[in-house]
Every structure is written in structure tokens, then in C-alpha cells.
Amino acid sequence: MVSFSRREETTVSRSSSPRRGGSQDCRELLFLQLNDWRSLQTDSYVLEERLKIYTLLSGRGVWQSSDSSVNVFSALDWKRCVGVSLWFLLPPTSSVADALSGYEAAFQGSCEGGKYAVAPLPPYLEEEEPHLEEEEEEEEETKRPLHDLCFHLLKLYRDRHYSLQQLLDPLSVTWQRLDYRLSWHLWGVLQALHYTHLSSSRQGLLHSSYAAQLESKGLWHMAIFILMHIHDHTQRERAVKEMLALYCPLQETEDSQQRERFLTERLLLPETWIHQAKATRARRHAAHQQEALHLYRAGAWSQCHRLLIQHLASDCIINDNHNFLLEFLEGLAVPERSATIQDWDTAGGVYLDYIRVIQTLERIQQLENAGYELERLHSDVTSLCSRIELLPCSCARDRLAQSEMAKRMANILRVVLSLQHPLSIPLARLAPHIARLPMPEDYTLEELRGLTQAYLQQLVLSQ
């Protein structure tokens, strides 16, 4: 600790920073005093700390004594170096930009006194020497020195067009190259201040890197929040959908429901995107019923219809699980939806009409007078008989379902005609449709044999 006499205290107060009312003349006199001590070689008897104070008060950062160099900045970090330059070395009218320029010259060695200030290293390099050696090797390779984030911010303050790529580099804050937390949030602040001169590729790197960082911690829903900041609509939609496809669970839990509410209510994400992701996951697990459900909720009418026909409809027909199939088909039958399905009339529409015919017959059988209903049902059944053979059959299961439908339509047609004509079934109205139905050969022969016998009986009775 250096102690001053009253005379020296008066000198210090008069020659303090010009910004605090210090006298410039007194500062020049102090510099002359230092030079006199050097010429008389009496400076060697003055404490080094006292020489540093006199050098600083004279407005110099470094002074060459008779036997050594007195460096005011030797024990200061870079932020204090900038502050000292602004408060003591520059005129009162100087700006922060002037102080920064003077400090840059001091640590780069481009000024008269050479290199006499420390470089603006990030805090982790100032504190940990092993990292310093490692980063020095890296600087030799990349030819790009690492500087503290605050230093970059000062340079941006001085020049609005300063490179944001260096400023947002994670290495300016932490030794972890993939830690983009502060960089991403700082980019948001800079955008709010109208600093937008960052290339699209670097913006994409910021968003994707921070999203990957959150994803690795299990915070995939927050990663989607980050990805929602991508400016390009197509890239943003693709990135969000890919993240949903990876992590949207099929089994609903309290946690998954909370995350989905966050996505739809806070981020205003379309629910159809979530159902598309769940449909993709269900497809990977061959969970066809869940896939159909989520495709339907996602509004993918054509894909839902294709899945129903290829994997679910035949099983529902064989097992008489009509209600499950009907729930989907009635939703798809809405005109604006069925119009987007290419083969609706020869696939889904046939299954829907088949189930409705069965339900209509059950309802008619409970009525006492259903003449009009029977006539309309007869028209529906005859139309359906000619369309069942159009159903796509790609496997034995599909052919089995088709034959079951054909056999049931033959029975229903016979029942309808018997209700319309209680005394005698008009075989001429029954035979053409029976022959057209895609039934197994043995069943078709049995039906035709029965029709032949009934026809012969009618001929005998008519004679």
C-alpha cells in the first residue's frame, strides 16, 4: 500500500482524470517530473507502485524508467484496461469507441509503447491456464483469436456492422463448443435492437444447435419452441414435424398431455401436426388402428382410407366389427372429404353401403308397414351386388371378406324379396344378382341349384 504526503495528495487530486476536473497542465508537469527522475537516475529509489501512479496521472499507460519499463496495465484485466484508458489516458471529449481503439492498439502492440495490455480473453481462459494453452494452439490453426463476448459487444457498439458471427460464437463465453444457450438468447436481444446482419446459414446453425442441446436433455417440446424461430416457413415446418415424429408418444401420460397442451395452446402449433407425428410412430409399430385414428384426426383422408382398406376393413367384416369401421367411413363419406379420395366409390363407399344395408334391414324388420323402405332397400341391395366385385383384393383375407359380403348380400336380397312378395319370391329378379356376386364356386352352385329347383316347382304348380 502506497502512502502519500499531503503535498503528494494535493498533486494527485489536481492531476486526476480530466473527466473529474483534473488539470491537464498538472499532468504535463508530472510527466516532466518523471523524465527528470529518469535523467538523474533517481527513479530507481522510487517504489514501483508510486511510479505507476505517477505514470497514470501523467496520462501515459507505459513509461520507460532508467532501468525498466513501468506498465500501468500489468496487473489489470482487460475490462479495467479499457476503463483506465477512458478515464485517465484520453481527453474528456473522448468516447467509449476511442477508449476501445486505444486498448486494441495496446494489446495488439500497434502503438508506440508496444504490447502492454492483456488480450480480451473469455473468462474461462483467464481462469484456467490449461484451456488457455489449448485455445492458443487452436488459434494458430484457425488464425482467429478468441475474445470475450463483452469485447465483441463493445466493438458492435462502436460499429453497427461488426461481424455477429464472432460475437455469437459459444467459445466467446464458454469452453463448451456446443453450448449455444447464451448465444441463442443474445441473438434474440440483438434482433430486438435491429441488429440483423447475420447470414441465414448462421441463424439456422444457432436454432438447430440450441434445439439439439435441449433435445439431448429430454426437453424436446422446448426444442420445438426454438425451431419455431426459423424464419423460412418451409424449413421451420419440416424441422418441427421431424422433431414431433421423433418424440410424440402414442401412449398418453400426464406429462405428454401437458407437453401437447404447451405446443397447441402456447406455441399455437396445429393439432394436425401432432396427429401426423403419432400416425408415423404408429406405422413404425404396425399399430394400424391407432394409425388410422391419428390419420383421421390429422385430416389425411386419403391416407386414412387407404389404411382402412389395406389393413382393417377385411378384419372388421370377417369379425362383424362393423361399428369400428362405420365410425371412420361415415366421417370419410362427407362430400368434401370423399371427393379427395380417388377410389372411394369402389372401396370405402362399398363397405359403408354394405354396413348401412345391414342396419336398414334390421330396422325394417321391426316395422309393421315398411313398403317404401323395402323398395328403397331393394334398390340399394341390387346396386351393392354389382359393386362388391369391384372391391380391391390383395390377399386371401380380402377375398374371404369379399365372399362373406357377397353371401350376406344374397341372403339379404332373398329376405327383401320375400318381404315384398310374401306368397312367392320372383326368381327372375333374384337370379341375375346371385350370378353376379363374387361368391365361392361351391356356394354359387348351391345357390343356383336352389334357384333352379324353386323355378321348376313354380313351373309344375303353374301347370
Protein backbone atom coordinates (compact mmCIF):
# COMPACT_ATOMS: atom_id res chain seq x y z
CA MET A 1 0.00 0.00 0.00
CA VAL A 2 1.50 3.29 -1.08
CA SER A 3 1.10 6.23 1.31
CA PHE A 4 1.25 9.87 0.16
CA SER A 5 2.26 13.04 1.89
CA ARG A 6 -0.12 15.98 1.94
CA ARG A 7 1.79 17.64 -0.89
CA GLU A 8 1.51 14.48 -2.99
CA GLU A 9 -2.18 14.14 -2.17
CA THR A 10 -2.72 17.66 -3.47
CA THR A 11 -0.81 16.78 -6.62
CA VAL A 12 -2.87 13.63 -7.13
CA SER A 13 -6.15 15.49 -6.72
CA ARG A 14 -5.15 18.21 -9.18
CA SER A 15 -3.85 15.78 -11.79
CA SER A 16 -6.62 13.21 -11.56
CA SER A 17 -8.78 12.24 -14.53
CA PRO A 18 -9.74 15.18 -16.77
CA ARG A 19 -13.27 13.81 -16.69
CA ARG A 20 -13.31 14.61 -12.96
CA GLY A 21 -11.94 18.12 -13.27
CA GLY A 22 -8.23 17.28 -13.22
CA SER A 23 -5.74 19.79 -14.59
CA GLN A 24 -4.04 18.95 -17.90
CA ASP A 25 -1.16 21.27 -17.03
CA CYS A 26 -0.52 19.39 -13.82
CA ARG A 27 -0.47 16.12 -15.77
CA GLU A 28 2.20 17.50 -18.09
CA LEU A 29 4.23 18.66 -15.11
CA LEU A 30 4.05 15.16 -13.64
CA PHE A 31 5.39 13.74 -16.90
CA LEU A 32 8.29 16.21 -16.77
CA GLN A 33 8.93 15.14 -13.18
CA LEU A 34 9.17 11.51 -14.28
CA ASN A 35 11.62 12.42 -17.03
CA ASP A 36 13.73 14.42 -14.57
CA TRP A 37 13.92 11.44 -12.22
CA ARG A 38 15.00 9.28 -15.13
CA SER A 39 17.67 11.72 -16.30
CA LEU A 40 19.05 11.95 -12.76
CA GLN A 41 18.62 8.18 -12.33
CA THR A 42 16.79 8.77 -9.07
CA ASP A 43 13.75 6.84 -10.23
CA SER A 44 15.40 3.64 -9.05
CA TYR A 45 14.88 4.87 -5.48
CA VAL A 46 11.12 5.36 -6.00
CA LEU A 47 8.70 2.49 -5.34
CA GLU A 48 7.37 0.86 -8.49
CA GLU A 49 3.76 1.31 -7.37
CA ARG A 50 4.39 5.03 -6.88
CA LEU A 51 5.92 5.24 -10.34
CA LYS A 52 2.85 3.52 -11.80
CA ILE A 53 0.58 6.04 -10.13
CA TYR A 54 2.63 8.98 -11.39
CA THR A 55 2.72 7.46 -14.88
CA LEU A 56 -1.04 7.02 -14.86
CA LEU A 57 -1.68 10.53 -13.56
CA SER A 58 0.58 11.91 -16.27
CA GLY A 59 -1.76 10.41 -18.86
CA ARG A 60 0.51 7.58 -20.00
CA GLY A 61 -0.05 3.85 -19.94
CA VAL A 62 3.61 2.90 -20.05
CA TRP A 63 6.83 4.78 -19.21
CA GLN A 64 10.43 3.76 -19.65
CA SER A 65 12.43 4.33 -16.48
CA SER A 66 16.22 4.28 -16.26
CA ASP A 67 16.38 0.54 -15.64
CA SER A 68 12.94 -0.93 -16.52
CA SER A 69 9.57 -0.33 -18.12
CA VAL A 70 6.74 0.88 -15.89
CA ASN A 71 3.45 -0.61 -17.13
CA VAL A 72 0.26 0.71 -15.57
CA PHE A 73 -1.77 -2.15 -17.08
CA SER A 74 0.46 -5.01 -15.94
CA ALA A 75 -1.88 -6.21 -13.17
CA LEU A 76 -5.21 -5.24 -14.71
CA ASP A 77 -7.72 -7.37 -16.59
CA TRP A 78 -8.90 -6.20 -19.98
CA LYS A 79 -12.09 -4.52 -18.74
CA ARG A 80 -10.14 -2.38 -16.26
CA CYS A 81 -7.67 -1.59 -19.03
CA VAL A 82 -10.47 -0.13 -21.13
CA GLY A 83 -11.80 1.79 -18.13
CA VAL A 84 -8.40 3.22 -17.23
CA SER A 85 -7.83 4.24 -20.85
CA LEU A 86 -11.16 6.08 -20.91
CA TRP A 87 -10.81 7.76 -17.51
CA PHE A 88 -7.13 8.69 -17.35
CA LEU A 89 -5.42 8.45 -20.74
CA LEU A 90 -7.86 10.19 -23.07
CA PRO A 91 -9.23 13.75 -23.27
CA PRO A 92 -12.62 14.44 -21.63
CA THR A 93 -14.30 14.63 -25.03
CA SER A 94 -13.26 11.08 -25.97
CA SER A 95 -15.85 8.34 -26.40
CA VAL A 96 -16.00 4.69 -25.48
CA ALA A 97 -15.08 3.91 -29.09
CA ASP A 98 -11.87 5.95 -28.68
CA ALA A 99 -11.01 4.09 -25.49
CA LEU A 100 -11.64 0.77 -27.21
CA SER A 101 -9.40 1.73 -30.13
CA GLY A 102 -6.63 2.72 -27.73
CA TYR A 103 -6.98 -0.53 -25.82
CA GLU A 104 -6.89 -2.56 -29.06
CA ALA A 105 -3.65 -0.86 -30.02
CA ALA A 106 -2.27 -1.62 -26.54
CA PHE A 107 -2.94 -5.37 -26.55
CA GLN A 108 -2.11 -5.81 -30.24
CA GLY A 109 1.20 -3.94 -29.92
CA SER A 110 0.48 -1.47 -32.69
CA CYS A 111 1.08 1.66 -30.60
CA GLU A 112 4.28 3.46 -29.60
CA GLY A 113 4.69 1.62 -26.31
CA GLY A 114 4.35 -1.81 -27.90
CA LYS A 115 2.15 -4.52 -26.45
CA TYR A 116 1.49 -3.59 -22.83
CA ALA A 117 -2.12 -4.71 -22.11
CA VAL A 118 -3.64 -8.18 -21.81
CA ALA A 119 -5.83 -9.51 -24.61
CA PRO A 120 -9.62 -9.59 -24.03
CA LEU A 121 -9.79 -13.32 -23.38
CA PRO A 122 -13.04 -15.01 -22.31
CA PRO A 123 -13.34 -15.53 -18.54
CA TYR A 124 -12.75 -19.28 -18.71
CA LEU A 125 -9.40 -18.69 -20.45
CA GLU A 126 -8.33 -16.12 -17.86
CA GLU A 127 -9.11 -18.50 -15.00
CA GLU A 128 -7.93 -21.85 -16.39
CA GLU A 129 -4.46 -21.98 -17.85
CA PRO A 130 -4.81 -25.48 -19.39
CA HIS A 131 -7.63 -24.21 -21.53
CA LEU A 132 -5.51 -21.20 -22.47
CA GLU A 133 -2.80 -23.42 -23.90
CA GLU A 134 -5.37 -25.47 -25.74
CA GLU A 135 -7.04 -22.41 -27.25
CA GLU A 136 -3.68 -20.88 -28.20
CA GLU A 137 -2.96 -23.99 -30.25
CA GLU A 138 -6.38 -23.68 -31.82
CA GLU A 139 -5.77 -20.02 -32.65
CA GLU A 140 -2.65 -21.00 -34.55
CA GLU A 141 -4.74 -23.44 -36.56
CA THR A 142 -7.75 -21.25 -37.25
CA LYS A 143 -5.90 -17.88 -37.29
CA ARG A 144 -8.85 -16.40 -35.43
CA PRO A 145 -8.17 -15.28 -31.83
CA LEU A 146 -10.80 -15.84 -29.16
CA HIS A 147 -12.11 -12.74 -27.46
CA ASP A 148 -14.53 -12.12 -24.63
CA LEU A 149 -18.20 -11.66 -25.50
CA CYS A 150 -18.22 -8.26 -23.77
CA PHE A 151 -15.35 -7.13 -26.00
CA HIS A 152 -17.36 -8.12 -29.08
CA LEU A 153 -20.34 -6.19 -27.74
CA LEU A 154 -18.19 -3.08 -27.32
CA LYS A 155 -16.97 -3.44 -30.89
CA LEU A 156 -20.57 -3.81 -32.07
CA TYR A 157 -21.41 -0.64 -30.12
CA ARG A 158 -18.60 1.11 -31.98
CA ASP A 159 -19.52 -0.34 -35.39
CA ARG A 160 -23.10 -1.47 -36.11
CA HIS A 161 -21.83 -3.61 -38.98
CA TYR A 162 -19.40 -5.59 -36.85
CA SER A 163 -19.47 -9.36 -37.54
CA LEU A 164 -22.17 -11.07 -35.47
CA GLN A 165 -20.71 -14.47 -36.28
CA GLN A 166 -17.76 -13.88 -33.93
CA LEU A 167 -19.97 -12.30 -31.30
CA LEU A 168 -22.35 -15.28 -31.17
CA ASP A 169 -19.61 -17.91 -31.11
CA PRO A 170 -20.09 -20.07 -27.95
CA LEU A 171 -16.31 -20.05 -27.40
CA SER A 172 -16.53 -16.35 -26.53
CA VAL A 173 -18.43 -17.37 -23.39
CA THR A 174 -17.64 -21.00 -22.55
CA TRP A 175 -15.14 -23.68 -23.47
CA GLN A 176 -18.04 -25.97 -24.47
CA ARG A 177 -18.31 -25.55 -28.22
CA LEU A 178 -21.87 -26.92 -28.39
CA ASP A 179 -23.33 -24.77 -25.61
CA TYR A 180 -25.49 -22.32 -27.56
CA ARG A 181 -27.71 -21.19 -24.69
CA LEU A 182 -26.37 -17.67 -24.24
CA SER A 183 -25.64 -17.26 -27.95
CA TRP A 184 -29.24 -18.01 -28.93
CA HIS A 185 -30.79 -15.71 -26.34
CA LEU A 186 -28.31 -12.95 -27.16
CA TRP A 187 -29.27 -13.24 -30.83
CA GLY A 188 -32.89 -12.62 -29.83
CA VAL A 189 -31.88 -9.47 -27.94
CA LEU A 190 -29.79 -8.22 -30.86
CA GLN A 191 -32.69 -8.72 -33.24
CA ALA A 192 -34.90 -6.64 -30.96
CA LEU A 193 -32.25 -3.89 -31.21
CA HIS A 194 -32.35 -4.16 -35.03
CA TYR A 195 -29.01 -5.91 -35.45
CA THR A 196 -30.00 -8.38 -38.17
CA HIS A 197 -26.88 -8.77 -40.35
CA LEU A 198 -26.37 -12.46 -39.64
CA SER A 199 -26.44 -14.89 -42.55
CA SER A 200 -29.31 -17.37 -42.88
CA SER A 201 -26.93 -20.31 -42.52
CA ARG A 202 -25.57 -18.98 -39.22
CA GLN A 203 -29.09 -18.32 -37.96
CA GLY A 204 -30.01 -21.88 -38.85
CA LEU A 205 -26.94 -23.13 -37.01
CA LEU A 206 -27.98 -21.21 -33.89
CA HIS A 207 -31.53 -22.58 -33.93
CA SER A 208 -30.65 -26.18 -34.76
CA SER A 209 -27.73 -26.34 -32.31
CA TYR A 210 -29.68 -24.97 -29.36
CA ALA A 211 -32.64 -27.21 -30.24
CA ALA A 212 -30.33 -30.24 -30.33
CA GLN A 213 -28.94 -29.20 -26.94
CA LEU A 214 -32.44 -29.12 -25.42
CA GLU A 215 -33.36 -32.35 -27.19
CA SER A 216 -30.39 -34.12 -25.60
CA LYS A 217 -31.75 -33.12 -22.17
CA GLY A 218 -35.19 -34.57 -22.91
CA LEU A 219 -36.77 -31.14 -23.44
CA TRP A 220 -37.98 -31.85 -26.96
CA HIS A 221 -41.05 -29.64 -26.56
CA MET A 222 -38.79 -26.68 -25.73
CA ALA A 223 -36.61 -27.61 -28.71
CA ILE A 224 -39.71 -27.13 -30.86
CA PHE A 225 -40.10 -23.66 -29.33
CA ILE A 226 -36.58 -22.87 -30.54
CA LEU A 227 -37.23 -24.30 -34.01
CA MET A 228 -40.35 -22.15 -34.32
CA HIS A 229 -38.00 -19.14 -34.61
CA ILE A 230 -36.67 -20.30 -38.00
CA HIS A 231 -37.67 -17.59 -40.49
CA ASP A 232 -38.14 -19.77 -43.57
CA HIS A 233 -41.64 -21.27 -43.44
CA THR A 234 -40.76 -24.48 -45.28
CA GLN A 235 -37.65 -25.19 -43.21
CA ARG A 236 -39.47 -24.34 -39.98
CA GLU A 237 -42.36 -26.69 -40.73
CA ARG A 238 -40.05 -29.52 -41.76
CA ALA A 239 -37.85 -29.16 -38.65
CA VAL A 240 -40.82 -29.07 -36.27
CA LYS A 241 -42.52 -32.05 -37.90
CA GLU A 242 -39.32 -34.09 -37.76
CA MET A 243 -38.98 -33.34 -34.05
CA LEU A 244 -42.61 -34.31 -33.43
CA ALA A 245 -42.18 -37.55 -35.36
CA LEU A 246 -39.21 -38.47 -33.18
CA TYR A 247 -40.73 -37.79 -29.76
CA CYS A 248 -44.56 -37.64 -29.85
CA PRO A 249 -45.64 -40.70 -27.80
CA LEU A 250 -48.57 -42.95 -28.65
CA GLN A 251 -49.41 -43.71 -25.04
CA GLU A 252 -50.85 -40.64 -23.37
CA THR A 253 -49.49 -39.75 -19.94
CA GLU A 254 -49.94 -36.70 -17.76
CA ASP A 255 -46.54 -35.41 -18.85
CA SER A 256 -47.24 -35.95 -22.56
CA GLN A 257 -50.62 -34.23 -22.26
CA GLN A 258 -49.01 -31.21 -20.59
CA ARG A 259 -46.42 -31.00 -23.33
CA GLU A 260 -49.05 -31.27 -26.05
CA ARG A 261 -51.09 -28.52 -24.40
CA PHE A 262 -47.95 -26.37 -24.32
CA LEU A 263 -47.43 -26.97 -28.05
CA THR A 264 -51.02 -26.27 -29.08
CA GLU A 265 -52.03 -23.57 -26.57
CA ARG A 266 -48.79 -21.67 -26.04
CA LEU A 267 -46.97 -22.20 -29.33
CA LEU A 268 -50.23 -22.43 -31.35
CA LEU A 269 -48.95 -25.50 -33.16
CA PRO A 270 -51.62 -27.12 -35.38
CA GLU A 271 -53.01 -30.25 -33.73
CA THR A 272 -52.90 -31.96 -37.12
CA TRP A 273 -49.08 -31.89 -36.95
CA ILE A 274 -49.15 -33.79 -33.66
CA HIS A 275 -51.55 -36.40 -35.04
CA GLN A 276 -49.41 -36.79 -38.16
CA ALA A 277 -46.42 -37.49 -35.94
CA LYS A 278 -48.37 -40.02 -33.90
CA ALA A 279 -49.57 -41.70 -37.07
CA THR A 280 -45.96 -42.02 -38.21
CA ARG A 281 -44.96 -43.60 -34.90
CA ALA A 282 -47.94 -45.97 -35.04
CA ARG A 283 -46.90 -47.01 -38.55
CA ARG A 284 -43.43 -47.88 -37.28
CA HIS A 285 -45.00 -50.11 -34.62
CA ALA A 286 -47.57 -51.60 -37.06
CA ALA A 287 -50.38 -50.29 -34.81
CA HIS A 288 -52.88 -49.92 -37.65
CA GLN A 289 -55.90 -48.94 -35.56
CA GLN A 290 -54.02 -46.11 -33.83
CA GLU A 291 -52.51 -45.06 -37.13
CA ALA A 292 -55.94 -44.85 -38.72
CA LEU A 293 -57.27 -42.84 -35.77
CA HIS A 294 -54.47 -40.27 -35.91
CA LEU A 295 -54.56 -40.04 -39.71
CA TYR A 296 -58.27 -39.29 -39.43
CA ARG A 297 -57.68 -36.62 -36.76
CA ALA A 298 -54.88 -35.17 -38.87
CA GLY A 299 -57.25 -34.72 -41.79
CA ALA A 300 -55.29 -37.11 -44.02
CA TRP A 301 -58.47 -38.52 -45.55
CA SER A 302 -56.91 -40.36 -48.48
CA GLN A 303 -54.18 -41.97 -46.37
CA CYS A 304 -56.69 -42.98 -43.71
CA HIS A 305 -58.96 -44.54 -46.34
CA ARG A 306 -56.05 -46.45 -47.90
CA LEU A 307 -55.02 -47.80 -44.50
CA LEU A 308 -58.58 -48.90 -43.69
CA ILE A 309 -58.92 -50.78 -46.97
CA GLN A 310 -55.50 -52.42 -46.84
CA HIS A 311 -55.31 -53.46 -43.18
CA LEU A 312 -58.56 -53.05 -41.23
CA ALA A 313 -61.74 -53.32 -43.31
CA SER A 314 -61.47 -57.04 -44.10
CA ASP A 315 -60.95 -57.99 -40.45
CA CYS A 316 -63.91 -55.85 -39.40
CA ILE A 317 -66.16 -57.58 -41.97
CA ILE A 318 -64.98 -61.08 -41.05
CA ASN A 319 -65.36 -60.43 -37.30
CA ASP A 320 -68.61 -58.43 -37.63
CA ASN A 321 -66.92 -55.43 -36.02
CA HIS A 322 -68.99 -53.02 -38.07
CA ASN A 323 -69.20 -50.17 -35.57
CA PHE A 324 -65.44 -49.53 -35.59
CA LEU A 325 -65.34 -49.40 -39.38
CA LEU A 326 -68.55 -47.38 -39.62
CA GLU A 327 -67.17 -44.63 -37.37
CA PHE A 328 -64.36 -43.96 -39.83
CA LEU A 329 -66.33 -44.45 -43.04
CA GLU A 330 -69.14 -42.09 -42.05
CA GLY A 331 -66.58 -39.39 -41.37
CA LEU A 332 -64.87 -40.00 -44.70
CA ALA A 333 -68.20 -40.04 -46.57
CA VAL A 334 -68.68 -36.30 -46.12
CA PRO A 335 -68.72 -34.95 -49.72
CA GLU A 336 -65.80 -32.55 -49.34
CA ARG A 337 -63.70 -35.40 -47.88
CA SER A 338 -64.73 -38.28 -50.13
CA ALA A 339 -64.11 -36.06 -53.15
CA THR A 340 -60.39 -36.12 -52.29
CA ILE A 341 -60.28 -39.95 -52.10
CA GLN A 342 -59.53 -41.43 -55.50
CA ASP A 343 -61.14 -44.90 -55.15
CA TRP A 344 -63.88 -44.10 -52.66
CA ASP A 345 -66.77 -45.41 -54.78
CA THR A 346 -65.14 -48.81 -55.34
CA ALA A 347 -63.68 -49.30 -51.86
CA GLY A 348 -64.74 -47.31 -48.80
CA GLY A 349 -68.12 -46.43 -50.25
CA VAL A 350 -68.89 -50.12 -50.86
CA TYR A 351 -68.08 -51.05 -47.26
CA LEU A 352 -70.17 -48.13 -45.97
CA ASP A 353 -73.20 -49.07 -48.09
CA TYR A 354 -72.84 -52.71 -47.02
CA ILE A 355 -72.99 -51.81 -43.31
CA ARG A 356 -75.88 -49.40 -43.86
CA VAL A 357 -77.88 -52.06 -45.74
CA ILE A 358 -77.48 -54.45 -42.82
CA GLN A 359 -78.57 -51.79 -40.33
CA THR A 360 -81.53 -50.76 -42.51
CA LEU A 361 -82.76 -54.35 -42.78
CA GLU A 362 -82.61 -54.77 -39.01
CA ARG A 363 -84.63 -51.60 -38.58
CA ILE A 364 -87.24 -52.57 -41.23
CA GLN A 365 -87.82 -55.96 -39.68
CA GLN A 366 -89.08 -54.18 -36.56
CA LEU A 367 -91.63 -52.10 -38.51
CA GLU A 368 -95.17 -53.20 -39.37
CA ASN A 369 -95.62 -51.25 -42.59
CA ALA A 370 -92.37 -50.58 -44.44
CA GLY A 371 -93.31 -50.70 -48.12
CA TYR A 372 -91.39 -47.58 -49.12
CA GLU A 373 -88.39 -48.56 -47.02
CA LEU A 374 -88.34 -52.03 -48.61
CA GLU A 375 -88.42 -50.59 -52.10
CA ARG A 376 -85.50 -48.29 -51.37
CA LEU A 377 -83.59 -51.09 -49.64
CA HIS A 378 -84.12 -53.34 -52.65
CA SER A 379 -82.60 -50.69 -54.89
CA ASP A 380 -79.60 -50.30 -52.54
CA VAL A 381 -79.04 -54.07 -52.35
CA THR A 382 -79.16 -54.60 -56.11
CA SER A 383 -76.73 -51.71 -56.61
CA LEU A 384 -74.41 -53.13 -54.00
CA CYS A 385 -74.45 -56.59 -55.58
CA SER A 386 -72.84 -55.18 -58.71
CA ARG A 387 -70.19 -53.23 -56.75
CA ILE A 388 -68.92 -55.85 -54.32
CA GLU A 389 -66.91 -57.48 -57.09
CA LEU A 390 -65.07 -54.16 -57.59
CA LEU A 391 -63.50 -54.29 -54.11
CA PRO A 392 -59.68 -54.46 -54.24
CA CYS A 393 -58.40 -57.84 -53.03
CA SER A 394 -54.67 -58.15 -52.47
CA CYS A 395 -54.61 -61.17 -50.16
CA ALA A 396 -56.63 -64.19 -49.07
CA ARG A 397 -58.11 -62.26 -46.16
CA ASP A 398 -59.55 -59.65 -48.53
CA ARG A 399 -61.06 -62.35 -50.73
CA LEU A 400 -62.60 -64.03 -47.69
CA ALA A 401 -64.19 -60.75 -46.60
CA GLN A 402 -65.47 -60.15 -50.12
CA SER A 403 -67.08 -63.60 -50.29
CA GLU A 404 -68.66 -63.10 -46.84
CA MET A 405 -70.16 -59.84 -48.03
CA ALA A 406 -71.42 -61.49 -51.22
CA LYS A 407 -73.07 -64.36 -49.33
CA ARG A 408 -74.72 -61.96 -46.92
CA MET A 409 -75.99 -59.79 -49.76
CA ALA A 410 -77.51 -62.88 -51.40
CA ASN A 411 -79.37 -63.69 -48.18
CA ILE A 412 -80.44 -60.07 -47.68
CA LEU A 413 -81.73 -59.85 -51.25
CA ARG A 414 -83.76 -63.01 -50.72
CA VAL A 415 -85.17 -61.63 -47.44
CA VAL A 416 -86.09 -58.31 -49.04
CA LEU A 417 -87.88 -60.01 -51.93
CA SER A 418 -89.69 -62.31 -49.51
CA LEU A 419 -90.89 -59.31 -47.52
CA GLN A 420 -92.05 -57.59 -50.70
CA HIS A 421 -93.67 -60.75 -52.11
CA PRO A 422 -94.75 -62.96 -49.20
CA LEU A 423 -96.52 -65.56 -51.41
CA SER A 424 -93.77 -66.22 -53.94
CA ILE A 425 -90.28 -64.79 -54.49
CA PRO A 426 -89.84 -63.57 -58.10
CA LEU A 427 -86.85 -65.65 -59.13
CA ALA A 428 -86.30 -63.54 -62.25
CA ARG A 429 -85.37 -60.61 -60.00
CA LEU A 430 -83.12 -62.71 -57.82
CA ALA A 431 -81.12 -64.89 -60.22
CA PRO A 432 -79.20 -62.18 -62.16
CA HIS A 433 -77.82 -60.66 -58.96
CA ILE A 434 -76.91 -64.03 -57.42
CA ALA A 435 -74.91 -64.94 -60.53
CA ARG A 436 -73.04 -61.62 -60.37
CA LEU A 437 -71.94 -61.87 -56.73
CA PRO A 438 -68.27 -62.93 -56.19
CA MET A 439 -69.03 -65.96 -54.01
CA PRO A 440 -67.06 -69.22 -53.77
CA GLU A 441 -67.87 -71.68 -56.52
CA ASP A 442 -69.48 -74.25 -54.23
CA TYR A 443 -71.70 -71.62 -52.63
CA THR A 444 -72.63 -70.18 -56.04
CA LEU A 445 -73.54 -73.66 -57.34
CA GLU A 446 -75.64 -74.29 -54.24
CA GLU A 447 -77.49 -71.01 -54.69
CA LEU A 448 -78.09 -71.66 -58.39
CA ARG A 449 -79.26 -75.22 -57.64
CA GLY A 450 -81.76 -73.86 -55.12
CA LEU A 451 -82.99 -71.30 -57.63
CA THR A 452 -83.38 -73.99 -60.30
CA GLN A 453 -85.40 -76.23 -58.00
CA ALA A 454 -87.61 -73.33 -56.97
CA TYR A 455 -88.13 -72.40 -60.61
CA LEU A 456 -89.10 -75.98 -61.52
CA GLN A 457 -91.57 -76.06 -58.63
CA GLN A 458 -93.16 -72.86 -59.89
CA LEU A 459 -93.47 -74.37 -63.38
CA VAL A 460 -95.13 -77.52 -62.03
CA LEU A 461 -97.54 -75.52 -59.90
CA SER A 462 -98.38 -73.20 -62.78
CA GLN A 463 -99.38 -76.18 -64.98
